[in-house]
């Protein structure tokens, strides 16, 4: 099966084409950009598929990072995947951005903690146990303070691999011999992790693909505060 993965949850716009039968990534594009993902992601997908010698009609399933992350980025990515899903009449998979980050580092055997910056001192996070092939969630996805996360990991009592855009600051501020930070090439979101995580997720029809923010958008909060 040819699986197309897309991640637009952060500043990195990424897409990947994965052959699940051979377990080979046929192509992968990742761009750290200040441009809006609506300008970048679809041209990147078209070029990547062309360079891989494939046609868009060869894609049999599409996976998207569906949150947490940038509200605008997530909506752009999920909307693009839904549109392609309808056009190709194929199923879609919504993958947690945090889980995709952990799958970027799946070869690490032990505890993996995905950390994404939210607002102020808050982070999106989830911790997983990896056997080198699959992940098991140790906790639910949550939005908590960095101090709360440090306390949780301290009580966990095992060595931890940190990944995500929130991991460098966390690693520097809470120095511990128990912490290792993922290398730059696997630290940030990319569509390869989304493809791998999608293999352990339930596909749905395009119209059922939804975004998962973990917190309300700023506009919703502002409206509630005025009422």
Protein backbone atom coordinates (compact mmCIF):
# COMPACT_ATOMS: atom_id res chain seq x y z
CA UNK A 1 0.00 0.00 0.00
CA UNK A 2 1.21 3.51 -0.81
CA UNK A 3 0.63 5.79 2.16
CA UNK A 4 0.89 9.57 1.95
CA UNK A 5 1.64 11.40 5.20
CA UNK A 6 1.35 15.14 5.89
CA UNK A 7 2.37 17.19 8.91
CA UNK A 8 1.58 20.92 9.12
CA UNK A 9 1.24 21.14 12.90
CA UNK A 10 4.21 23.46 13.45
CA UNK A 11 6.69 25.58 11.51
CA UNK A 12 7.84 22.50 9.60
CA UNK A 13 5.78 21.61 6.54
CA UNK A 14 6.41 17.97 5.76
CA UNK A 15 5.14 15.21 3.51
CA UNK A 16 6.25 11.63 2.97
CA UNK A 17 5.40 8.73 0.68
CA UNK A 18 5.68 5.30 2.32
CA UNK A 19 5.42 1.86 0.73
CA UNK A 20 4.01 -0.24 3.56
CA UNK A 21 4.75 -3.54 1.77
CA UNK A 22 8.49 -2.95 1.47
CA UNK A 23 8.73 -0.56 4.48
CA UNK A 24 10.60 1.92 2.31
CA UNK A 25 10.05 5.68 2.28
CA UNK A 26 9.89 6.43 -1.43
CA UNK A 27 10.22 10.16 -0.84
CA UNK A 28 10.21 12.71 1.95
CA UNK A 29 10.15 16.51 1.95
CA UNK A 30 10.52 18.69 5.02
CA UNK A 31 10.75 22.48 5.07
CA UNK A 32 11.12 24.73 8.10
CA UNK A 33 9.37 27.83 6.87
CA UNK A 34 7.83 31.16 7.84
CA UNK A 35 5.39 30.86 4.93
CA UNK A 36 1.84 29.71 5.54
CA UNK A 37 1.35 26.01 5.03
CA UNK A 38 -1.33 26.71 2.43
CA UNK A 39 1.45 28.14 0.22
CA UNK A 40 3.84 25.27 0.77
CA UNK A 41 2.28 21.89 1.47
CA UNK A 42 0.39 21.00 -1.73
CA UNK A 43 3.20 22.07 -4.10
CA UNK A 44 5.54 19.99 -1.93
CA UNK A 45 3.22 16.97 -2.16
CA UNK A 46 2.88 17.23 -5.94
CA UNK A 47 6.63 17.60 -6.46
CA UNK A 48 7.46 14.76 -4.06
CA UNK A 49 5.09 12.32 -5.76
CA UNK A 50 6.42 13.28 -9.19
CA UNK A 51 10.04 12.86 -8.07
CA UNK A 52 9.19 9.42 -6.66
CA UNK A 53 7.91 8.37 -10.09
CA UNK A 54 4.37 7.93 -8.82
CA UNK A 55 0.97 9.42 -9.57
CA UNK A 56 -1.43 10.83 -7.00
CA UNK A 57 -3.81 8.02 -8.03
CA UNK A 58 -1.28 5.51 -6.63
CA UNK A 59 -1.96 6.76 -3.09
CA UNK A 60 -4.21 4.32 -1.22
CA UNK A 61 -4.39 6.00 2.18
CA UNK A 62 -3.56 9.45 3.54
CA UNK A 63 -2.46 10.33 7.07
CA UNK A 64 -2.38 13.77 8.66
CA UNK A 65 -1.09 15.16 11.92
CA UNK A 66 -4.37 16.24 13.54
CA UNK A 67 -3.06 17.89 16.68
CA UNK A 68 -2.00 19.32 18.94
CA UNK A 69 -0.17 22.18 17.29
CA UNK A 70 -0.74 25.37 15.35
CA UNK A 71 -4.48 25.95 14.91
CA UNK A 72 -4.09 27.37 11.41
CA UNK A 73 -1.50 24.79 10.35
CA UNK A 74 -3.61 21.88 11.56
CA UNK A 75 -6.71 23.13 9.77
CA UNK A 76 -4.77 23.55 6.53
CA UNK A 77 -3.26 20.07 6.70
CA UNK A 78 -6.43 18.26 7.70
CA UNK A 79 -8.49 20.13 5.10
CA UNK A 80 -5.99 19.22 2.39
CA UNK A 81 -6.05 15.56 3.38
CA UNK A 82 -9.85 15.46 3.47
CA UNK A 83 -10.03 17.01 -0.01
CA UNK A 84 -7.54 14.48 -1.39
CA UNK A 85 -9.35 11.66 0.39
CA UNK A 86 -12.63 12.58 -1.29
CA UNK A 87 -10.95 13.01 -4.69
CA UNK A 88 -9.13 9.67 -4.50
CA UNK A 89 -11.94 7.84 -2.71
CA UNK A 90 -9.52 6.57 -0.09
CA UNK A 91 -9.57 6.48 3.69
CA UNK A 92 -7.73 8.88 5.95
CA UNK A 93 -5.98 8.61 9.29
CA UNK A 94 -5.68 11.32 11.92
CA UNK A 95 -2.46 10.92 13.88
CA UNK A 96 -1.52 12.67 17.11
CA UNK A 97 1.36 15.05 16.50
CA UNK A 98 2.87 13.92 19.80
CA UNK A 99 2.71 10.29 18.74
CA UNK A 100 4.22 11.13 15.37
CA UNK A 101 7.14 12.80 17.15
CA UNK A 102 7.70 9.68 19.23
CA UNK A 103 7.58 7.49 16.12
CA UNK A 104 10.33 9.66 14.61
CA UNK A 105 12.49 8.15 17.36
CA UNK A 106 10.97 4.66 17.46
CA UNK A 107 14.38 2.93 17.32
CA UNK A 108 15.04 4.18 20.87
CA UNK A 109 14.18 1.41 23.32
CA UNK A 110 12.85 2.99 26.48
CA UNK A 111 10.81 6.02 27.50
CA UNK A 112 10.16 8.76 24.95
CA UNK A 113 8.58 12.08 25.94
CA UNK A 114 7.17 14.35 23.23
CA UNK A 115 7.13 18.03 24.21
CA UNK A 116 5.57 20.79 22.12
CA UNK A 117 5.43 24.44 23.09
CA UNK A 118 1.93 25.71 23.86
CA UNK A 119 1.55 29.12 25.53
CA UNK A 120 3.62 30.83 28.23
CA UNK A 121 5.01 28.05 30.46
CA UNK A 122 2.63 25.40 29.14
CA UNK A 123 3.53 22.48 26.90
CA UNK A 124 1.64 19.78 25.07
CA UNK A 125 3.08 16.45 26.08
CA UNK A 126 2.72 12.70 26.16
CA UNK A 127 5.10 9.98 27.32
CA UNK A 128 5.50 6.61 25.64
CA UNK A 129 7.27 3.31 26.16
CA UNK A 130 9.09 2.09 23.03
CA UNK A 131 10.27 -1.44 22.32
CA UNK A 132 11.96 -0.31 19.12
CA UNK A 133 8.97 -1.16 16.92
CA UNK A 134 5.78 -0.08 18.72
CA UNK A 135 4.73 2.51 21.28
CA UNK A 136 2.67 2.20 24.43
CA UNK A 137 1.27 5.37 25.99
CA UNK A 138 2.31 5.81 29.62
CA UNK A 139 -0.09 8.71 30.14
CA UNK A 140 -2.81 10.59 28.32
CA UNK A 141 -1.98 13.55 26.11
CA UNK A 142 -2.16 16.71 28.16
CA UNK A 143 -1.32 20.39 28.33
CA UNK A 144 0.59 21.12 31.55
CA UNK A 145 3.33 23.40 32.89
CA UNK A 146 6.99 22.54 32.38
CA UNK A 147 7.38 22.18 36.15
CA UNK A 148 4.57 19.62 36.25
CA UNK A 149 6.15 17.67 33.42
CA UNK A 150 9.55 17.69 35.15
CA UNK A 151 7.92 16.35 38.32
CA UNK A 152 6.11 13.62 36.37
CA UNK A 153 9.30 12.47 34.65
CA UNK A 154 11.21 12.53 37.93
CA UNK A 155 8.65 10.23 39.53
CA UNK A 156 8.79 8.00 36.46
CA UNK A 157 12.34 7.18 37.48
CA UNK A 158 13.72 6.03 34.10
CA UNK A 159 15.95 7.51 31.43
CA UNK A 160 13.94 9.57 28.96
CA UNK A 161 14.49 10.63 25.37
CA UNK A 162 13.04 14.12 24.82
CA UNK A 163 11.73 15.25 21.42
CA UNK A 164 9.60 18.05 19.99
CA UNK A 165 10.10 21.81 19.64
CA UNK A 166 9.72 22.22 23.40
CA UNK A 167 12.47 19.73 24.21
CA UNK A 168 15.56 22.01 23.88
CA UNK A 169 14.35 24.54 26.47
CA UNK A 170 13.11 21.77 28.75
CA UNK A 171 16.42 19.91 28.46
CA UNK A 172 18.42 23.05 29.29
CA UNK A 173 16.20 24.22 32.16
CA UNK A 174 15.76 20.86 33.88
CA UNK A 175 19.19 19.35 33.47
CA UNK A 176 19.28 15.74 34.55
CA UNK A 177 21.49 12.73 33.76
CA UNK A 178 18.21 10.91 33.10
CA UNK A 179 17.41 13.13 30.09
CA UNK A 180 18.67 12.71 26.53
CA UNK A 181 17.53 15.00 23.74
CA UNK A 182 16.75 13.63 20.28
CA UNK A 183 19.18 14.68 17.52
CA UNK A 184 18.13 17.58 15.27
CA UNK A 185 17.06 15.37 12.35
CA UNK A 186 14.42 13.56 14.45
CA UNK A 187 13.59 16.24 17.01
CA UNK A 188 10.90 18.18 15.16
CA UNK A 189 7.71 17.03 13.48
CA UNK A 190 7.95 15.30 10.13
CA UNK A 191 5.64 13.22 8.02
CA UNK A 192 7.72 10.05 8.33
CA UNK A 193 6.63 9.69 11.93
CA UNK A 194 3.04 10.37 10.90
CA UNK A 195 3.20 7.53 8.33
CA UNK A 196 4.62 5.07 10.85
CA UNK A 197 2.08 6.00 13.52
CA UNK A 198 -0.75 5.72 10.98
CA UNK A 199 -0.08 1.99 10.66
CA UNK A 200 -1.28 1.61 14.26
CA UNK A 201 -4.31 3.89 13.87
CA UNK A 202 -7.83 3.26 12.62
CA UNK A 203 -8.57 4.76 9.19
CA UNK A 204 -11.80 6.71 8.71
CA UNK A 205 -13.73 8.19 5.78
CA UNK A 206 -12.52 11.71 4.86
CA UNK A 207 -15.58 13.41 6.33
CA UNK A 208 -14.81 11.92 9.76
CA UNK A 209 -11.28 13.28 9.96
CA UNK A 210 -11.14 15.93 12.68
CA UNK A 211 -8.60 18.23 14.39
CA UNK A 212 -7.70 17.67 18.04
CA UNK A 213 -6.43 20.88 19.66
CA UNK A 214 -6.17 19.81 23.36
CA UNK A 215 -7.09 23.40 24.23
CA UNK A 216 -9.52 25.98 22.96
CA UNK A 217 -8.44 28.41 20.29
CA UNK A 218 -7.58 31.92 21.47
CA UNK A 219 -10.63 33.39 19.70
CA UNK A 220 -12.92 31.04 21.66
CA UNK A 221 -11.23 31.96 24.95
CA UNK A 222 -11.50 35.69 24.22
CA UNK A 223 -15.22 35.28 23.44
CA UNK A 224 -15.83 33.40 26.69
CA UNK A 225 -13.96 36.03 28.71
CA UNK A 226 -16.19 38.77 27.29
CA UNK A 227 -19.40 36.95 28.17
